[in-house]
Protein backbone atom coordinates (compact mmCIF):
# COMPACT_ATOMS: atom_id res chain seq x y z
CA UNK A 1 -47.80 -26.24 65.89
CA UNK A 2 -44.06 -26.87 65.78
CA UNK A 3 -42.37 -29.19 63.29
CA UNK A 4 -41.54 -31.48 66.21
CA UNK A 5 -45.21 -31.75 67.17
CA UNK A 6 -46.12 -32.61 63.57
CA UNK A 7 -43.43 -35.28 63.38
CA UNK A 8 -44.68 -36.78 66.63
CA UNK A 9 -48.24 -36.88 65.28
CA UNK A 10 -47.16 -38.38 61.95
CA UNK A 11 -44.57 -41.14 62.24
CA UNK A 12 -42.70 -41.67 58.99
CA UNK A 13 -40.11 -44.43 58.80
CA UNK A 14 -38.62 -46.69 56.19
CA UNK A 15 -37.35 -50.23 56.02
CA UNK A 16 -37.37 -53.16 53.66
CA UNK A 17 -38.37 -50.95 50.76
CA UNK A 18 -41.54 -49.85 52.59
CA UNK A 19 -42.24 -46.28 53.61
CA UNK A 20 -44.71 -46.34 56.50
CA UNK A 21 -46.81 -43.34 57.51
CA UNK A 22 -48.57 -43.80 60.84
CA UNK A 23 -51.08 -41.23 62.06
CA UNK A 24 -50.18 -40.90 65.72
CA UNK A 25 -52.90 -39.02 67.55
CA UNK A 26 -54.92 -41.91 69.00
CA UNK A 27 -56.56 -39.81 71.72
CA UNK A 28 -58.74 -38.24 68.98
CA UNK A 29 -58.82 -41.29 66.67
CA UNK A 30 -55.92 -39.75 64.72
CA UNK A 31 -57.86 -36.69 63.53
CA UNK A 32 -55.53 -34.71 61.30
CA UNK A 33 -54.62 -31.03 61.68
CA UNK A 34 -52.79 -28.76 59.27
CA UNK A 35 -49.34 -29.73 60.51
CA UNK A 36 -50.12 -33.39 60.05
CA UNK A 37 -51.45 -33.10 56.50
CA UNK A 38 -48.50 -30.89 55.52
CA UNK A 39 -46.12 -33.52 56.92
CA UNK A 40 -47.93 -36.29 55.05
CA UNK A 41 -47.78 -34.31 51.81
CA UNK A 42 -44.07 -33.52 52.17
CA UNK A 43 -43.28 -37.14 53.07
CA UNK A 44 -45.14 -38.52 50.06
CA UNK A 45 -43.41 -36.07 47.73
CA UNK A 46 -40.02 -37.12 49.06
CA UNK A 47 -40.75 -40.83 48.84
CA UNK A 48 -42.06 -40.56 45.32
CA UNK A 49 -38.52 -39.66 44.23
CA UNK A 50 -36.72 -42.07 46.60
CA UNK A 51 -35.53 -45.22 44.76
CA UNK A 52 -35.31 -47.08 48.06
CA UNK A 53 -39.07 -46.80 48.62
CA UNK A 54 -41.04 -49.36 46.65
CA UNK A 55 -44.30 -49.44 48.63
CA UNK A 56 -46.05 -46.92 50.91
CA UNK A 57 -48.14 -48.08 53.87
CA UNK A 58 -50.59 -45.75 55.63
CA UNK A 59 -51.97 -46.81 59.01
CA UNK A 60 -53.05 -45.37 62.36
CA UNK A 61 -51.94 -45.68 65.96
CA UNK A 62 -54.25 -47.14 68.59
CA UNK A 63 -57.15 -49.55 68.44
CA UNK A 64 -59.97 -47.15 67.60
CA UNK A 65 -59.35 -46.33 63.98
CA UNK A 66 -57.19 -45.09 61.16
CA UNK A 67 -58.55 -41.54 61.22
CA UNK A 68 -61.77 -39.91 62.38
CA UNK A 69 -61.28 -37.10 59.85
CA UNK A 70 -60.00 -33.57 59.98
CA UNK A 71 -59.63 -31.69 63.23
CA UNK A 72 -62.94 -29.91 62.71
CA UNK A 73 -62.87 -28.32 66.15
CA UNK A 74 -59.72 -26.42 65.16
CA UNK A 75 -61.28 -25.53 61.80
CA UNK A 76 -64.35 -24.12 63.50
CA UNK A 77 -62.20 -22.06 65.86
CA UNK A 78 -60.40 -20.56 62.87
CA UNK A 79 -63.64 -19.81 61.01
CA UNK A 80 -65.23 -18.17 64.06
CA UNK A 81 -62.30 -15.76 64.56
CA UNK A 82 -62.05 -15.07 60.82
CA UNK A 83 -58.71 -16.78 60.27
CA UNK A 84 -59.64 -18.02 56.80
CA UNK A 85 -55.97 -18.26 55.83
CA UNK A 86 -55.54 -21.05 58.40
CA UNK A 87 -58.62 -22.84 57.04
CA UNK A 88 -57.30 -22.56 53.49
CA UNK A 89 -53.89 -23.89 54.54
CA UNK A 90 -55.49 -27.02 55.97
CA UNK A 91 -57.71 -27.80 53.02
CA UNK A 92 -55.05 -27.04 50.41
CA UNK A 93 -52.53 -29.41 52.00
CA UNK A 94 -55.19 -32.05 52.57
CA UNK A 95 -56.54 -31.99 49.03
CA UNK A 96 -53.05 -32.01 47.51
CA UNK A 97 -52.21 -35.07 49.63
CA UNK A 98 -55.45 -36.79 48.52
CA UNK A 99 -54.63 -36.15 44.86
CA UNK A 100 -51.04 -37.34 45.28
CA UNK A 101 -52.15 -40.59 46.91
CA UNK A 102 -54.52 -41.18 44.00
CA UNK A 103 -51.77 -40.58 41.44
CA UNK A 104 -48.82 -42.07 43.33
CA UNK A 105 -46.47 -43.94 40.99
CA UNK A 106 -45.73 -46.63 43.58
CA UNK A 107 -48.20 -48.93 45.32
CA UNK A 108 -49.92 -47.32 48.30
CA UNK A 109 -51.48 -49.66 50.86
CA UNK A 110 -53.94 -48.25 53.42
CA UNK A 111 -55.10 -50.03 56.56
CA UNK A 112 -58.63 -48.68 57.11
CA UNK A 113 -58.97 -50.44 60.44
CA UNK A 114 -61.62 -49.12 62.82
CA UNK A 115 -63.08 -45.63 62.36
CA UNK A 116 -62.16 -44.16 58.97
CA UNK A 117 -64.24 -41.14 58.13
CA UNK A 118 -64.10 -37.84 56.24
CA UNK A 119 -60.47 -36.81 55.97
CA UNK A 120 -59.48 -40.36 56.87
CA UNK A 121 -61.22 -41.54 53.71
CA UNK A 122 -59.21 -39.00 51.71
CA UNK A 123 -55.94 -40.40 53.06
CA UNK A 124 -56.83 -44.03 52.38
CA UNK A 125 -59.62 -44.67 49.88
CA UNK A 126 -57.62 -43.31 46.92
CA UNK A 127 -54.79 -45.76 47.62
CA UNK A 128 -54.08 -48.66 45.31
CA UNK A 129 -54.68 -51.37 47.93
CA UNK A 130 -57.31 -50.57 50.57
CA UNK A 131 -57.69 -52.90 53.53
CA UNK A 132 -60.68 -53.00 55.86
CA UNK A 133 -61.11 -55.22 58.91
CA UNK A 134 -64.04 -56.54 60.89
CA UNK A 135 -63.74 -53.36 63.01
CA UNK A 136 -63.91 -50.90 60.10
CA UNK A 137 -66.52 -48.15 60.14
CA UNK A 138 -66.41 -45.87 57.11
CA UNK A 139 -68.44 -42.75 56.37
CA UNK A 140 -68.48 -39.36 54.74
CA UNK A 141 -70.18 -37.39 57.56
CA UNK A 142 -70.05 -33.88 56.10
CA UNK A 143 -73.79 -33.25 55.73
CA UNK A 144 -74.04 -34.00 59.45
CA UNK A 145 -71.62 -31.09 59.96
CA UNK A 146 -73.34 -28.66 57.62
CA UNK A 147 -71.27 -28.89 54.44
CA UNK A 148 -70.56 -31.31 51.60
CA UNK A 149 -68.37 -34.42 51.09
CA UNK A 150 -64.82 -33.50 50.11
CA UNK A 151 -61.31 -35.11 50.05
CA UNK A 152 -62.33 -36.81 46.80
CA UNK A 153 -65.35 -38.34 48.51
CA UNK A 154 -67.73 -37.09 45.86
CA UNK A 155 -65.74 -39.03 43.25
CA UNK A 156 -65.96 -42.26 45.24
CA UNK A 157 -69.63 -41.74 46.05
CA UNK A 158 -70.52 -40.98 42.45
CA UNK A 159 -69.09 -44.34 41.36
CA UNK A 160 -70.81 -46.49 43.98
CA UNK A 161 -73.33 -48.97 42.52
CA UNK A 162 -76.74 -47.60 41.60
CA UNK A 163 -77.82 -44.76 43.88
CA UNK A 164 -75.89 -45.91 46.92
CA UNK A 165 -73.61 -42.90 46.54
CA UNK A 166 -76.50 -40.48 46.90
CA UNK A 167 -77.74 -42.41 49.92
CA UNK A 168 -74.36 -42.46 51.66
CA UNK A 169 -73.61 -38.82 50.85
CA UNK A 170 -76.93 -37.36 51.96
CA UNK A 171 -77.49 -39.45 55.09
CA UNK A 172 -73.81 -39.68 56.18
CA UNK A 173 -74.52 -43.38 56.74
CA UNK A 174 -71.74 -45.51 58.26
CA UNK A 175 -70.57 -48.56 56.32
CA UNK A 176 -69.13 -51.76 57.72
CA UNK A 177 -66.39 -53.62 55.85
CA UNK A 178 -68.62 -55.51 53.42
CA UNK A 179 -70.45 -52.40 52.27
CA UNK A 180 -67.19 -50.43 52.07
CA UNK A 181 -65.92 -52.98 49.56
CA UNK A 182 -69.21 -53.15 47.66
CA UNK A 183 -69.43 -49.36 47.39
CA UNK A 184 -65.88 -48.98 46.07
CA UNK A 185 -64.20 -47.53 49.17
CA UNK A 186 -62.07 -50.60 49.92
CA UNK A 187 -60.67 -53.72 48.27
CA UNK A 188 -59.98 -56.45 50.82
CA UNK A 189 -61.30 -57.60 54.18
CA UNK A 190 -58.36 -58.72 56.33
CA UNK A 191 -59.00 -59.71 59.97
CA UNK A 192 -57.41 -57.19 62.32
CA UNK A 193 -55.39 -59.98 63.89
CA UNK A 194 -53.56 -60.46 60.58
CA UNK A 195 -52.56 -56.84 59.94
CA UNK A 196 -49.14 -57.34 61.51
CA UNK A 197 -48.64 -60.39 59.31
CA UNK A 198 -49.51 -58.36 56.24
CA UNK A 199 -47.14 -55.56 57.32
CA UNK A 200 -44.37 -58.15 57.69
CA UNK A 201 -45.15 -59.65 54.29
CA UNK A 202 -44.96 -56.23 52.64
CA UNK A 203 -41.48 -55.70 54.07
CA UNK A 204 -40.12 -59.18 53.39
CA UNK A 205 -41.62 -59.42 49.89
CA UNK A 206 -43.07 -62.84 50.45
CA UNK A 207 -44.11 -64.72 47.34
CA UNK A 208 -46.35 -63.53 45.67
CA UNK A 209 -44.72 -60.16 45.62
CA UNK A 210 -47.21 -57.42 44.77
CA UNK A 211 -49.09 -55.70 47.60
CA UNK A 212 -52.43 -56.69 46.12
CA UNK A 213 -51.42 -60.34 45.83
CA UNK A 214 -50.10 -60.27 49.39
CA UNK A 215 -53.38 -58.83 50.63
CA UNK A 216 -55.25 -61.64 48.89
CA UNK A 217 -53.35 -64.15 51.03
CA UNK A 218 -55.17 -62.79 54.08
CA UNK A 219 -58.46 -61.78 52.43
CA UNK A 220 -61.76 -63.07 53.76
CA UNK A 221 -64.64 -62.45 51.36
CA UNK A 222 -67.55 -60.97 53.34
CA UNK A 223 -71.23 -61.63 52.91
CA UNK A 224 -73.36 -58.80 51.54
CA UNK A 225 -73.71 -55.90 53.98
CA UNK A 226 -76.89 -54.05 54.98
CA UNK A 227 -76.41 -51.20 52.50
CA UNK A 228 -76.01 -53.63 49.60
CA UNK A 229 -79.08 -55.59 50.71
CA UNK A 230 -81.12 -52.38 50.89
CA UNK A 231 -80.16 -51.31 47.39
CA UNK A 232 -83.54 -52.00 45.69
CA UNK A 233 -85.44 -49.41 47.73
CA UNK A 234 -82.42 -47.10 47.99
CA UNK A 235 -82.17 -46.98 44.20
CA UNK A 236 -85.88 -46.29 43.92
CA UNK A 237 -85.87 -43.45 46.44
CA UNK A 238 -82.51 -41.83 45.77
CA UNK A 239 -82.88 -41.72 41.99
CA UNK A 240 -85.38 -38.89 42.46
CA UNK A 241 -84.55 -35.52 40.94
CA UNK A 242 -84.39 -33.50 44.15
CA UNK A 243 -83.93 -33.95 47.87
CA UNK A 244 -87.58 -33.08 48.45
CA UNK A 245 -88.68 -35.80 46.04
CA UNK A 246 -86.31 -38.31 47.68
CA UNK A 247 -87.98 -37.52 51.00
CA UNK A 248 -91.44 -37.91 49.47
CA UNK A 249 -90.52 -41.30 48.04
CA UNK A 250 -89.12 -42.46 51.39
CA UNK A 251 -92.31 -41.38 53.15
CA UNK A 252 -94.39 -43.37 50.70
CA UNK A 253 -92.49 -46.63 51.05
CA UNK A 254 -93.98 -47.85 54.29
CA UNK A 255 -92.47 -50.76 56.20
CA UNK A 256 -89.45 -52.45 54.66
CA UNK A 257 -87.63 -55.37 56.24
CA UNK A 258 -83.91 -55.06 56.81
CA UNK A 259 -81.27 -53.47 58.98
CA UNK A 260 -81.62 -50.22 57.02
CA UNK A 261 -85.13 -48.93 56.36
CA UNK A 262 -86.66 -45.99 54.49
CA UNK A 263 -87.85 -44.63 57.83
CA UNK A 264 -84.30 -44.66 59.18
CA UNK A 265 -82.97 -42.89 56.09
CA UNK A 266 -85.76 -40.33 56.34
CA UNK A 267 -84.93 -39.66 59.99
CA UNK A 268 -81.31 -38.96 59.04
CA UNK A 269 -82.22 -36.61 56.19
CA UNK A 270 -84.55 -34.62 58.42
CA UNK A 271 -81.61 -33.80 60.69
CA UNK A 272 -79.25 -32.62 57.94
CA UNK A 273 -78.53 -29.08 56.80
CA UNK A 274 -80.97 -28.33 53.95
CA UNK A 275 -78.50 -26.35 51.85
CA UNK A 276 -75.81 -28.98 52.33
CA UNK A 277 -78.24 -31.66 51.15
CA UNK A 278 -79.10 -29.84 47.93
CA UNK A 279 -75.46 -28.99 47.17
CA UNK A 280 -74.34 -32.53 47.93
CA UNK A 281 -76.93 -34.17 45.69
CA UNK A 282 -75.84 -32.02 42.77
CA UNK A 283 -72.14 -32.49 43.57
CA UNK A 284 -72.34 -36.29 43.53
CA UNK A 285 -74.27 -36.31 40.26
CA UNK A 286 -71.94 -33.79 38.64
CA UNK A 287 -68.95 -35.87 39.73
CA UNK A 288 -70.22 -38.73 37.59
CA UNK A 289 -69.60 -36.55 34.55
CA UNK A 290 -66.15 -35.33 35.59
CA UNK A 291 -63.01 -36.78 34.00
CA UNK A 292 -61.29 -37.95 37.16
CA UNK A 293 -60.44 -37.62 40.84
CA UNK A 294 -58.56 -34.33 40.51
CA UNK A 295 -61.52 -32.64 38.83
CA UNK A 296 -63.79 -33.84 41.64
CA UNK A 297 -61.38 -32.55 44.28
CA UNK A 298 -61.26 -29.20 42.51
CA UNK A 299 -65.07 -29.00 42.50
CA UNK A 300 -65.06 -29.84 46.22
CA UNK A 301 -62.40 -27.22 46.89
CA UNK A 302 -64.62 -24.45 45.50
CA UNK A 303 -67.70 -25.76 47.31
CA UNK A 304 -65.97 -25.96 50.68
CA UNK A 305 -64.62 -22.46 50.13
CA UNK A 306 -68.22 -21.35 49.54
CA UNK A 307 -69.40 -22.88 52.81
CA UNK A 308 -66.44 -21.51 54.78
CA UNK A 309 -66.64 -17.99 53.39
CA UNK A 310 -70.36 -17.40 52.97
CA UNK A 311 -72.48 -19.80 55.05
CA UNK A 312 -73.10 -20.25 58.80
CA UNK A 313 -73.96 -23.94 58.69
CA UNK A 314 -70.45 -25.41 58.80
CA UNK A 315 -69.34 -23.86 62.12
CA UNK A 316 -72.84 -24.44 63.52
CA UNK A 317 -72.83 -28.11 62.56
CA UNK A 318 -69.40 -28.62 64.11
CA UNK A 319 -70.59 -26.85 67.25
CA UNK A 320 -73.62 -29.07 67.58
CA UNK A 321 -71.87 -32.37 66.82
CA UNK A 322 -68.35 -31.92 68.19
CA UNK A 323 -68.07 -28.91 70.52
CA UNK A 324 -71.29 -28.65 72.56
CA UNK A 325 -72.56 -32.06 71.42
CA UNK A 326 -76.17 -31.00 71.90
CA UNK A 327 -77.08 -32.49 68.49
CA UNK A 328 -79.47 -29.61 67.84
CA UNK A 329 -77.94 -27.51 65.07
CA UNK A 330 -79.77 -24.38 64.00
CA UNK A 331 -79.48 -24.56 60.24
CA UNK A 332 -79.82 -21.49 58.04
CA UNK A 333 -81.83 -21.91 55.90
CA UNK A 334 -83.84 -24.16 58.19
CA UNK A 335 -85.98 -25.98 55.62
CA UNK A 336 -85.64 -27.37 52.13
CA UNK A 337 -88.36 -25.05 50.85
CA UNK A 338 -86.12 -22.12 51.72
CA UNK A 339 -83.28 -23.46 49.54
CA UNK A 340 -83.74 -21.98 46.09
CA UNK A 341 -82.15 -23.34 42.91
CA UNK A 342 -80.35 -20.00 42.69
CA UNK A 343 -78.68 -20.64 46.05
CA UNK A 344 -77.36 -23.98 44.82
CA UNK A 345 -76.22 -22.36 41.56
CA UNK A 346 -74.37 -19.77 43.62
CA UNK A 347 -72.50 -22.52 45.47
CA UNK A 348 -71.27 -24.07 42.23
CA UNK A 349 -70.40 -20.70 40.72
CA UNK A 350 -68.20 -19.78 43.70
CA UNK A 351 -64.46 -19.87 43.14
CA UNK A 352 -61.95 -20.01 45.94
CA UNK A 353 -59.41 -17.16 45.79
CA UNK A 354 -56.70 -19.69 46.67
CA UNK A 355 -55.49 -21.90 43.79
CA UNK A 356 -55.72 -25.57 44.66
CA UNK A 357 -52.67 -26.78 42.83
CA UNK A 358 -49.25 -25.41 43.78
CA UNK A 359 -47.86 -27.46 40.90
CA UNK A 360 -49.41 -29.69 38.28
CA UNK A 361 -51.90 -32.10 39.91
CA UNK A 362 -50.16 -35.17 41.30
CA UNK A 363 -46.71 -33.60 41.27
């Protein structure tokens, strides 16, 4: 992709002390490719040093969403032909951008309007002020695609209340705005019709003056969402020591009233890649013991390298969900009983040959 293409797909402009990054690929819900994440990273690094930029705003073009995630079709194409260097280039730029957003010395505001999933979470949920709307649909869908939550998702999931993080990570469940706030992925619910007003307020520095205070002017506190309401049985089931035991507990729960049921969670788990499930459960629980976001991203970096370099499930999951859309992935291994503890240990022992940080984290 040429630099011109990247600039067209990421619109960066400044005014009124605000640096605005707009993902501009609405035909694919602003899915990001390597050129886009490299442009975002370079822009953020420049604005960090620019005294004229006081606030950064990240949003997306179109009505469908901020960002559906990474361009996984392009990633699969690269994996299939053995172009691992291209895969590494994407993930390295993406993870560095995620870390920089999390450590940015100026307020970063993210409009998580509409679909915000996977890589879209990484570009928004580590911001200082995270806005959802009534249209927001958030998820970490990686187990659906045969690998494990990344872009700092394991850090966010590990700090969700109770065992909601395990539930969201393993099932790839989609959250509405209320649950996104409850689970720590967002801060404020602002009606989509007021986003332009909030953009204007950020530029004009209305009183009150901080981005968070400005967001509060438009905030509408939501009622509890379906994930929050289902927490009692989710905590009971997803506190189990293994994926197999989680499944056993779900099977034993019988009928439960609510929009989300044990049977629905069980149906999702039975479709997921067995190895990805076991790795993801351990990754979320290990992230709880890590010192911060950068350590979680580094753990994810090695795990994704493991899946890309050694396992068939990631390209197969993308094929089934995105390319052929037959929704019938052929996982290898095919069952949880075939996933040994040694295989999971091997995933966590793997080290990517590419260093994650090209400078000190956050620089």
